[in-house]
Amino acid sequence: MSKKRTQKAEEAILELLAGGALITEACRELGIAPSTLNRWRRVDAEFDDKAWSAESQGIMIQRSSLIEDMREAIKSSDRGASIKIQG
């Protein structure tokens, strides 16, 4: 699984990461090996900075989604729900 580094590939990976995709998910979707992405990041500090920024945005999206899911679960739950939500 190896893909040539192109502007289009870089933009796609950054978009997926910023949208909340995990690195492994984004790489799988684009047909890029995680080791290839890591190599791109090691050799290009500017791209690495962009990837970190995209990952940070993605983490905020993931966190917001989890909080929304938890709130919805709490609203629609009954007695003892905290155990169900945690478990």
N, C-alpha and C. Protein backbone atom coordinates (compact mmCIF):
# COMPACT_ATOMS: atom_id res chain seq x y z
N MET A 1 0.85 -1.17 0.00
CA MET A 1 0.00 0.00 0.00
C MET A 1 0.91 1.24 0.00
N SER A 2 1.11 1.79 -1.14
CA SER A 2 1.94 2.98 -1.23
C SER A 2 1.33 3.90 -2.27
N LYS A 3 1.37 5.17 -2.01
CA LYS A 3 0.78 6.14 -2.93
C LYS A 3 1.75 7.29 -3.08
N LYS A 4 1.84 7.78 -4.29
CA LYS A 4 2.70 8.92 -4.53
C LYS A 4 2.19 10.15 -3.81
N ARG A 5 3.13 10.93 -3.34
CA ARG A 5 2.76 12.16 -2.65
C ARG A 5 2.42 13.23 -3.68
N THR A 6 1.18 13.66 -3.62
CA THR A 6 0.71 14.72 -4.51
C THR A 6 -0.01 15.76 -3.67
N GLN A 7 -0.21 16.92 -4.25
CA GLN A 7 -0.96 17.97 -3.56
C GLN A 7 -2.37 17.48 -3.24
N LYS A 8 -2.96 16.75 -4.18
CA LYS A 8 -4.31 16.23 -3.98
C LYS A 8 -4.36 15.24 -2.82
N ALA A 9 -3.36 14.36 -2.74
CA ALA A 9 -3.31 13.38 -1.64
C ALA A 9 -3.12 14.08 -0.30
N GLU A 10 -2.24 15.08 -0.27
CA GLU A 10 -2.03 15.84 0.97
C GLU A 10 -3.31 16.53 1.42
N GLU A 11 -3.98 17.19 0.49
CA GLU A 11 -5.22 17.89 0.84
C GLU A 11 -6.28 16.92 1.33
N ALA A 12 -6.36 15.75 0.70
CA ALA A 12 -7.36 14.76 1.11
C ALA A 12 -7.09 14.25 2.52
N ILE A 13 -5.84 13.97 2.82
CA ILE A 13 -5.53 13.45 4.15
C ILE A 13 -5.78 14.51 5.21
N LEU A 14 -5.42 15.76 4.92
CA LEU A 14 -5.66 16.84 5.88
C LEU A 14 -7.15 17.06 6.09
N GLU A 15 -7.92 16.97 5.04
CA GLU A 15 -9.38 17.14 5.16
C GLU A 15 -10.00 16.04 6.01
N LEU A 16 -9.57 14.81 5.80
CA LEU A 16 -10.11 13.70 6.59
C LEU A 16 -9.72 13.84 8.07
N LEU A 17 -8.47 14.19 8.32
CA LEU A 17 -8.04 14.36 9.71
C LEU A 17 -8.80 15.49 10.38
N ALA A 18 -8.98 16.60 9.68
CA ALA A 18 -9.72 17.74 10.24
C ALA A 18 -11.18 17.41 10.47
N GLY A 19 -11.70 16.44 9.72
CA GLY A 19 -13.09 16.03 9.88
C GLY A 19 -13.31 15.02 10.99
N GLY A 20 -12.23 14.61 11.65
CA GLY A 20 -12.37 13.70 12.78
C GLY A 20 -11.93 12.28 12.52
N ALA A 21 -11.44 11.99 11.33
CA ALA A 21 -10.99 10.63 11.04
C ALA A 21 -9.69 10.34 11.79
N LEU A 22 -9.57 9.13 12.25
CA LEU A 22 -8.31 8.68 12.83
C LEU A 22 -7.29 8.52 11.71
N ILE A 23 -6.02 8.58 12.04
CA ILE A 23 -4.98 8.45 11.02
C ILE A 23 -5.14 7.15 10.25
N THR A 24 -5.38 6.06 10.95
CA THR A 24 -5.51 4.77 10.27
C THR A 24 -6.72 4.75 9.34
N GLU A 25 -7.81 5.37 9.76
CA GLU A 25 -9.00 5.44 8.91
C GLU A 25 -8.74 6.26 7.66
N ALA A 26 -8.10 7.41 7.84
CA ALA A 26 -7.82 8.29 6.70
C ALA A 26 -6.89 7.61 5.71
N CYS A 27 -5.85 6.98 6.22
CA CYS A 27 -4.90 6.28 5.35
C CYS A 27 -5.59 5.14 4.60
N ARG A 28 -6.40 4.38 5.29
CA ARG A 28 -7.11 3.26 4.66
C ARG A 28 -8.01 3.77 3.54
N GLU A 29 -8.74 4.86 3.81
CA GLU A 29 -9.66 5.40 2.81
C GLU A 29 -8.94 5.87 1.55
N LEU A 30 -7.74 6.40 1.74
CA LEU A 30 -7.00 6.94 0.60
C LEU A 30 -5.99 5.97 0.01
N GLY A 31 -5.87 4.80 0.61
CA GLY A 31 -4.92 3.82 0.10
C GLY A 31 -3.47 4.19 0.37
N ILE A 32 -3.25 4.89 1.47
CA ILE A 32 -1.91 5.30 1.87
C ILE A 32 -1.53 4.53 3.12
N ALA A 33 -0.37 3.92 3.12
CA ALA A 33 0.10 3.23 4.32
C ALA A 33 0.41 4.26 5.40
N PRO A 34 0.07 3.98 6.66
CA PRO A 34 0.42 4.92 7.73
C PRO A 34 1.92 5.23 7.76
N SER A 35 2.75 4.25 7.43
CA SER A 35 4.20 4.51 7.41
C SER A 35 4.57 5.51 6.31
N THR A 36 3.83 5.50 5.22
CA THR A 36 4.06 6.47 4.15
C THR A 36 3.71 7.87 4.64
N LEU A 37 2.56 8.00 5.30
CA LEU A 37 2.16 9.29 5.85
C LEU A 37 3.19 9.78 6.86
N ASN A 38 3.67 8.89 7.71
CA ASN A 38 4.69 9.26 8.69
C ASN A 38 5.97 9.74 8.01
N ARG A 39 6.35 9.11 6.91
CA ARG A 39 7.53 9.53 6.18
C ARG A 39 7.34 10.93 5.60
N TRP A 40 6.15 11.19 5.02
CA TRP A 40 5.84 12.52 4.49
C TRP A 40 6.00 13.57 5.59
N ARG A 41 5.52 13.23 6.76
CA ARG A 41 5.57 14.18 7.88
C ARG A 41 6.99 14.39 8.37
N ARG A 42 7.79 13.34 8.38
CA ARG A 42 9.18 13.47 8.84
C ARG A 42 10.02 14.34 7.91
N VAL A 43 9.78 14.25 6.62
CA VAL A 43 10.62 14.97 5.67
C VAL A 43 10.12 16.38 5.35
N ASP A 44 8.91 16.71 5.80
CA ASP A 44 8.33 18.01 5.46
C ASP A 44 7.70 18.64 6.70
N ALA A 45 8.45 19.51 7.34
CA ALA A 45 7.99 20.13 8.59
C ALA A 45 6.71 20.93 8.38
N GLU A 46 6.58 21.60 7.26
CA GLU A 46 5.37 22.40 7.00
C GLU A 46 4.14 21.50 6.89
N PHE A 47 4.27 20.39 6.17
CA PHE A 47 3.16 19.45 6.07
C PHE A 47 2.85 18.83 7.43
N ASP A 48 3.89 18.53 8.20
CA ASP A 48 3.70 17.98 9.54
C ASP A 48 2.90 18.95 10.41
N ASP A 49 3.23 20.23 10.34
CA ASP A 49 2.48 21.24 11.10
C ASP A 49 1.01 21.27 10.68
N LYS A 50 0.78 21.20 9.38
CA LYS A 50 -0.60 21.19 8.87
C LYS A 50 -1.34 19.94 9.36
N ALA A 51 -0.64 18.81 9.38
CA ALA A 51 -1.27 17.56 9.83
C ALA A 51 -1.62 17.64 11.31
N TRP A 52 -0.70 18.20 12.13
CA TRP A 52 -0.99 18.36 13.56
C TRP A 52 -2.21 19.26 13.76
N SER A 53 -2.27 20.34 13.00
CA SER A 53 -3.41 21.24 13.11
C SER A 53 -4.71 20.53 12.72
N ALA A 54 -4.66 19.78 11.62
CA ALA A 54 -5.84 19.05 11.17
C ALA A 54 -6.27 18.02 12.21
N GLU A 55 -5.29 17.31 12.79
CA GLU A 55 -5.62 16.32 13.83
C GLU A 55 -6.26 16.99 15.04
N SER A 56 -5.77 18.16 15.40
CA SER A 56 -6.35 18.89 16.54
C SER A 56 -7.80 19.26 16.27
N GLN A 57 -8.07 19.74 15.07
CA GLN A 57 -9.46 20.05 14.71
C GLN A 57 -10.32 18.80 14.76
N GLY A 58 -9.78 17.70 14.25
CA GLY A 58 -10.51 16.44 14.26
C GLY A 58 -10.82 15.96 15.66
N ILE A 59 -9.87 16.14 16.58
CA ILE A 59 -10.09 15.73 17.96
C ILE A 59 -11.22 16.55 18.59
N MET A 60 -11.26 17.84 18.28
CA MET A 60 -12.35 18.67 18.81
C MET A 60 -13.70 18.20 18.26
N ILE A 61 -13.75 17.81 17.01
CA ILE A 61 -14.99 17.30 16.43
C ILE A 61 -15.38 15.98 17.10
N GLN A 62 -14.41 15.09 17.28
CA GLN A 62 -14.69 13.82 17.95
C GLN A 62 -15.22 14.06 19.36
N ARG A 63 -14.57 14.96 20.08
CA ARG A 63 -14.98 15.27 21.45
C ARG A 63 -16.41 15.81 21.48
N SER A 64 -16.71 16.73 20.59
CA SER A 64 -18.06 17.30 20.54
C SER A 64 -19.10 16.23 20.24
N SER A 65 -18.78 15.35 19.31
CA SER A 65 -19.72 14.27 18.98
C SER A 65 -19.96 13.35 20.16
N LEU A 66 -18.90 13.02 20.88
CA LEU A 66 -19.05 12.16 22.05
C LEU A 66 -19.90 12.83 23.14
N ILE A 67 -19.66 14.11 23.35
CA ILE A 67 -20.44 14.84 24.35
C ILE A 67 -21.91 14.89 23.96
N GLU A 68 -22.18 15.17 22.68
CA GLU A 68 -23.57 15.18 22.22
C GLU A 68 -24.23 13.82 22.42
N ASP A 69 -23.51 12.75 22.10
CA ASP A 69 -24.05 11.40 22.29
C ASP A 69 -24.33 11.12 23.76
N MET A 70 -23.41 11.56 24.63
CA MET A 70 -23.61 11.33 26.06
C MET A 70 -24.82 12.11 26.57
N ARG A 71 -24.97 13.35 26.14
CA ARG A 71 -26.12 14.15 26.56
C ARG A 71 -27.41 13.51 26.11
N GLU A 72 -27.43 13.03 24.89
CA GLU A 72 -28.64 12.39 24.37
C GLU A 72 -28.95 11.11 25.15
N ALA A 73 -27.91 10.36 25.47
CA ALA A 73 -28.10 9.13 26.25
C ALA A 73 -28.64 9.45 27.63
N ILE A 74 -28.15 10.52 28.23
CA ILE A 74 -28.62 10.92 29.57
C ILE A 74 -30.08 11.34 29.51
N LYS A 75 -30.43 12.14 28.50
CA LYS A 75 -31.82 12.61 28.37
C LYS A 75 -32.79 11.45 28.17
N SER A 76 -32.38 10.46 27.44
CA SER A 76 -33.31 9.37 27.11
C SER A 76 -33.16 8.17 28.03
N SER A 77 -32.46 8.34 29.14
CA SER A 77 -32.21 7.20 30.01
C SER A 77 -33.14 7.21 31.23
N ASP A 78 -33.09 6.09 31.89
CA ASP A 78 -33.88 5.94 33.10
C ASP A 78 -32.94 5.79 34.29
N ARG A 79 -33.52 5.40 35.41
CA ARG A 79 -32.75 5.21 36.63
C ARG A 79 -31.61 4.21 36.39
N GLY A 80 -30.44 4.50 36.91
CA GLY A 80 -29.28 3.63 36.73
C GLY A 80 -28.60 3.83 35.39
N ALA A 81 -28.94 4.89 34.71
CA ALA A 81 -28.42 5.12 33.38
C ALA A 81 -26.90 5.39 33.36
N SER A 82 -26.41 5.98 34.42
CA SER A 82 -24.97 6.30 34.41
C SER A 82 -24.14 5.04 34.25
N ILE A 83 -24.59 3.95 34.86
CA ILE A 83 -23.87 2.68 34.72
C ILE A 83 -23.97 2.20 33.29
N LYS A 84 -25.14 2.34 32.67
CA LYS A 84 -25.31 1.92 31.28
C LYS A 84 -24.45 2.78 30.35
N ILE A 85 -24.40 4.06 30.61
CA ILE A 85 -23.64 4.97 29.75
C ILE A 85 -22.16 4.67 29.84
N GLN A 86 -21.67 4.39 31.06
CA GLN A 86 -20.25 4.10 31.24
C GLN A 86 -19.87 2.74 30.71
N GLY A 87 -20.80 1.83 30.73
CA GLY A 87 -20.47 0.46 30.45
C GLY A 87 -20.65 0.01 29.10
